[in-house]
Protein backbone atom coordinates (compact mmCIF):
# COMPACT_ATOMS: atom_id res chain seq x y z
CA MET A 1 0.19 0.55 0.19
CA ARG A 2 1.45 3.89 -0.70
CA ARG A 3 1.03 6.29 1.29
CA ALA A 4 1.07 9.74 -0.06
CA ARG A 5 -0.73 12.74 -0.27
CA PRO A 6 -3.93 13.52 -2.71
CA GLY A 7 -3.23 14.22 -6.39
CA ALA A 8 0.89 12.96 -5.34
CA SER A 9 2.41 11.44 -8.03
CA PRO A 10 4.89 8.02 -7.11
CA ARG A 11 8.80 9.11 -6.46
CA GLY A 12 10.77 9.80 -9.43
CA THR A 13 8.12 11.04 -11.71
CA ALA A 14 8.30 14.46 -13.19
CA GLU A 15 4.89 15.74 -13.19
CA ARG A 16 2.37 15.84 -9.90
CA ALA A 17 -1.49 16.04 -10.87
CA LEU A 18 -3.66 18.82 -8.70
CA THR A 19 -6.61 17.55 -6.77
CA SER A 20 -9.90 19.65 -6.17
CA VAL A 21 -10.71 21.02 -2.95
CA GLU A 22 -14.59 20.82 -1.94
CA ALA A 23 -16.06 24.27 -0.63
CA GLY A 24 -17.06 23.69 3.07
CA ALA A 25 -20.34 23.64 4.20
CA ASP A 26 -20.87 26.74 4.83
CA PHE A 27 -19.27 28.11 1.09
CA ASP A 28 -22.73 29.89 -0.28
CA GLU A 29 -21.78 30.91 -4.14
CA GLU A 30 -24.40 33.69 -4.24
CA SER A 31 -22.35 35.74 -1.26
CA PHE A 32 -18.95 34.45 -3.29
CA ASP A 33 -20.25 36.63 -6.50
CA GLU A 34 -21.97 39.59 -4.74
CA SER A 35 -21.30 40.66 -1.11
CA PRO A 36 -24.91 41.85 0.61
CA GLU A 37 -23.60 45.60 0.24
CA ASP A 38 -23.82 45.18 -3.14
CA SER A 39 -27.04 43.60 -3.24
CA GLY A 40 -28.33 45.72 -0.66
CA ALA A 41 -29.33 42.40 1.35
CA ASP A 42 -28.99 42.02 5.34
CA THR A 43 -28.32 38.75 5.16
CA GLY A 44 -27.96 38.86 9.35
CA ALA A 45 -25.00 36.53 9.04
CA PRO A 46 -21.68 38.00 11.03
CA GLU A 47 -19.36 39.37 9.19
CA ARG A 48 -15.97 36.80 8.44
CA GLU A 49 -13.17 38.31 9.54
CA VAL A 50 -11.37 40.06 6.78
CA SER A 51 -7.28 39.33 6.79
CA LYS A 52 -4.77 43.03 6.27
CA LEU A 53 -1.65 42.98 4.98
CA TRP A 54 1.00 43.64 8.04
CA HIS A 55 4.21 45.36 6.92
CA ILE A 56 7.20 43.68 9.18
CA THR A 57 10.47 44.45 10.02
CA LEU A 58 12.58 41.78 12.03
CA SER A 59 16.01 42.48 13.11
CA VAL A 60 18.23 39.34 14.11
CA SER A 61 21.84 39.74 15.71
CA GLY A 62 24.23 36.92 17.49
CA ALA A 63 28.11 35.73 17.08
CA GLU A 64 29.89 36.62 13.70
CA ALA A 65 29.30 34.53 10.93
CA PRO A 66 30.74 34.17 7.27
CA LEU A 67 29.23 36.83 5.31
CA LYS A 68 28.96 34.27 2.60
CA GLU A 69 26.70 31.55 5.11
CA VAL A 70 24.80 35.04 5.95
CA ARG A 71 23.90 35.72 2.41
CA ARG A 72 23.20 32.20 1.40
CA ALA A 73 21.09 31.44 4.19
CA LEU A 74 18.97 34.63 3.60
CA GLU A 75 18.45 33.80 0.01
CA GLN A 76 17.34 30.36 1.05
CA LEU A 77 14.66 32.09 3.57
CA ALA A 78 13.88 34.33 0.54
CA HIS A 79 13.33 31.15 -1.54
CA ASP A 80 11.03 29.11 1.29
CA HIS A 81 8.98 32.50 1.86
CA PRO A 82 8.31 34.19 -1.18
CA PHE A 83 6.41 37.22 0.70
CA LEU A 84 10.01 38.40 1.95
CA LEU A 85 11.01 41.75 0.23
CA THR A 86 14.07 42.48 1.36
CA SER A 87 16.72 41.59 3.58
CA ARG A 88 20.05 43.59 4.32
CA TYR A 89 22.61 41.86 6.40
CA ALA A 90 25.77 41.75 8.21
CA ASN A 91 28.22 39.49 9.66
CA ASP A 92 26.73 39.51 12.75
CA HIS A 93 23.13 41.27 12.49
CA ALA A 94 20.47 41.49 10.08
CA GLU A 95 16.90 42.75 8.93
CA ILE A 96 14.30 41.37 7.15
CA ARG A 97 11.01 42.98 5.74
CA TYR A 98 8.41 41.39 4.24
CA TRP A 99 4.30 41.60 3.94
CA GLU A 100 2.79 39.28 6.00
CA GLU A 101 -1.09 38.98 5.51
CA ALA A 102 -3.30 37.81 9.23
CA ARG A 103 -6.06 39.36 10.96
CA ASP A 104 -4.83 41.49 13.42
CA LEU A 105 -1.64 43.04 14.63
CA HIS A 106 -1.30 40.14 17.39
CA ASP A 107 -1.39 37.54 14.61
CA ALA A 108 0.77 39.00 12.19
CA ALA A 109 3.79 39.93 15.15
CA ALA A 110 3.23 36.34 16.37
CA VAL A 111 3.90 35.19 13.19
CA ALA A 112 6.63 37.41 12.32
CA LEU A 113 8.12 35.88 15.70
CA ARG A 114 8.19 32.48 14.95
CA LEU A 115 9.10 33.08 11.06
CA TRP A 116 13.40 32.78 11.88
CA GLY A 117 13.22 30.09 14.50
CA GLU A 118 10.67 28.02 11.68
CA HIS A 119 13.28 28.42 9.52
CA ARG A 120 16.39 27.72 11.03
CA GLN A 121 17.23 24.36 10.08
CA SER A 122 15.70 24.43 6.76
CA ALA A 123 17.74 27.54 5.35
CA LYS A 124 20.77 27.25 7.76
CA LEU A 125 20.17 30.89 9.27
CA PRO A 126 22.69 31.66 12.03
CA PRO A 127 22.41 30.59 15.70
CA TRP A 128 21.23 34.59 16.15
CA GLU A 129 18.04 36.03 18.26
CA ILE A 130 15.39 38.49 17.39
CA VAL A 131 16.21 42.00 19.01
CA GLY A 132 14.16 43.81 17.05
CA LEU A 133 10.12 43.60 15.68
CA GLU A 134 8.25 46.47 13.87
CA VAL A 135 4.50 45.52 12.83
CA ILE A 136 2.39 48.14 11.15
CA ASP A 137 -0.71 48.08 8.80
CA ARG A 138 -0.57 49.29 5.61
CA GLU A 139 -2.29 52.18 5.97
CA THR A 140 0.65 53.62 8.36
CA TYR A 141 3.14 52.32 6.03
CA HIS A 142 2.36 54.35 3.07
CA GLN A 143 1.24 57.07 5.45
CA ARG A 144 4.92 57.07 6.47
CA ILE A 145 6.39 56.84 3.04
CA ALA A 146 3.92 59.52 2.14
CA GLU A 147 5.47 62.29 4.60
CA GLY A 148 8.83 61.12 3.81
CA TYR A 149 9.66 59.07 7.35
CA GLY A 150 10.13 56.00 8.30
CA PRO A 151 11.93 52.72 6.26
CA PRO A 152 12.21 53.55 2.31
CA PRO A 153 10.36 51.00 0.32
CA ALA A 154 12.43 48.15 0.01
CA ALA A 155 13.51 48.71 -3.16
CA PRO A 156 15.62 46.87 -4.57
CA VAL A 157 14.43 44.07 -3.40
CA GLY A 158 16.56 41.38 -3.08
CA VAL A 159 19.29 40.08 -0.39
CA HIS A 160 21.88 43.29 0.32
CA PRO A 161 24.78 43.67 2.69
CA TYR A 162 24.63 46.69 4.55
């Protein structure tokens, strides 16, 4: 008996099959196409919480590590975490900036605080500790940029030395 994820091809095959996921019992196709505000109808159902985008700046530091290894590790982290915008690094500290989608600030901060530890093994990140965290909503981020203060837009995107 072969054990695998549904839709996964046997090991060694080049292609993977896709499978469909059925909608949950609470899915309403009509409400998917049109919101109550658009239709003028009041469904009486509680509103679902909507996720927001949060700009995260995570600062880490620790014992010195070879710059080449730090860069490679941050590039792997960017590959593993596709919403990573930019990373700046030195041999004893780094700053990672990215967007996170979460229900509220508490959820966004919790995810951000787990990022370094959860990817430490897979990306071979240095054994550094988180020393700073900033979580701001999208509106605040854009307001800071428009007013000329705060972090500059994350460009160029990628992994860069300080």
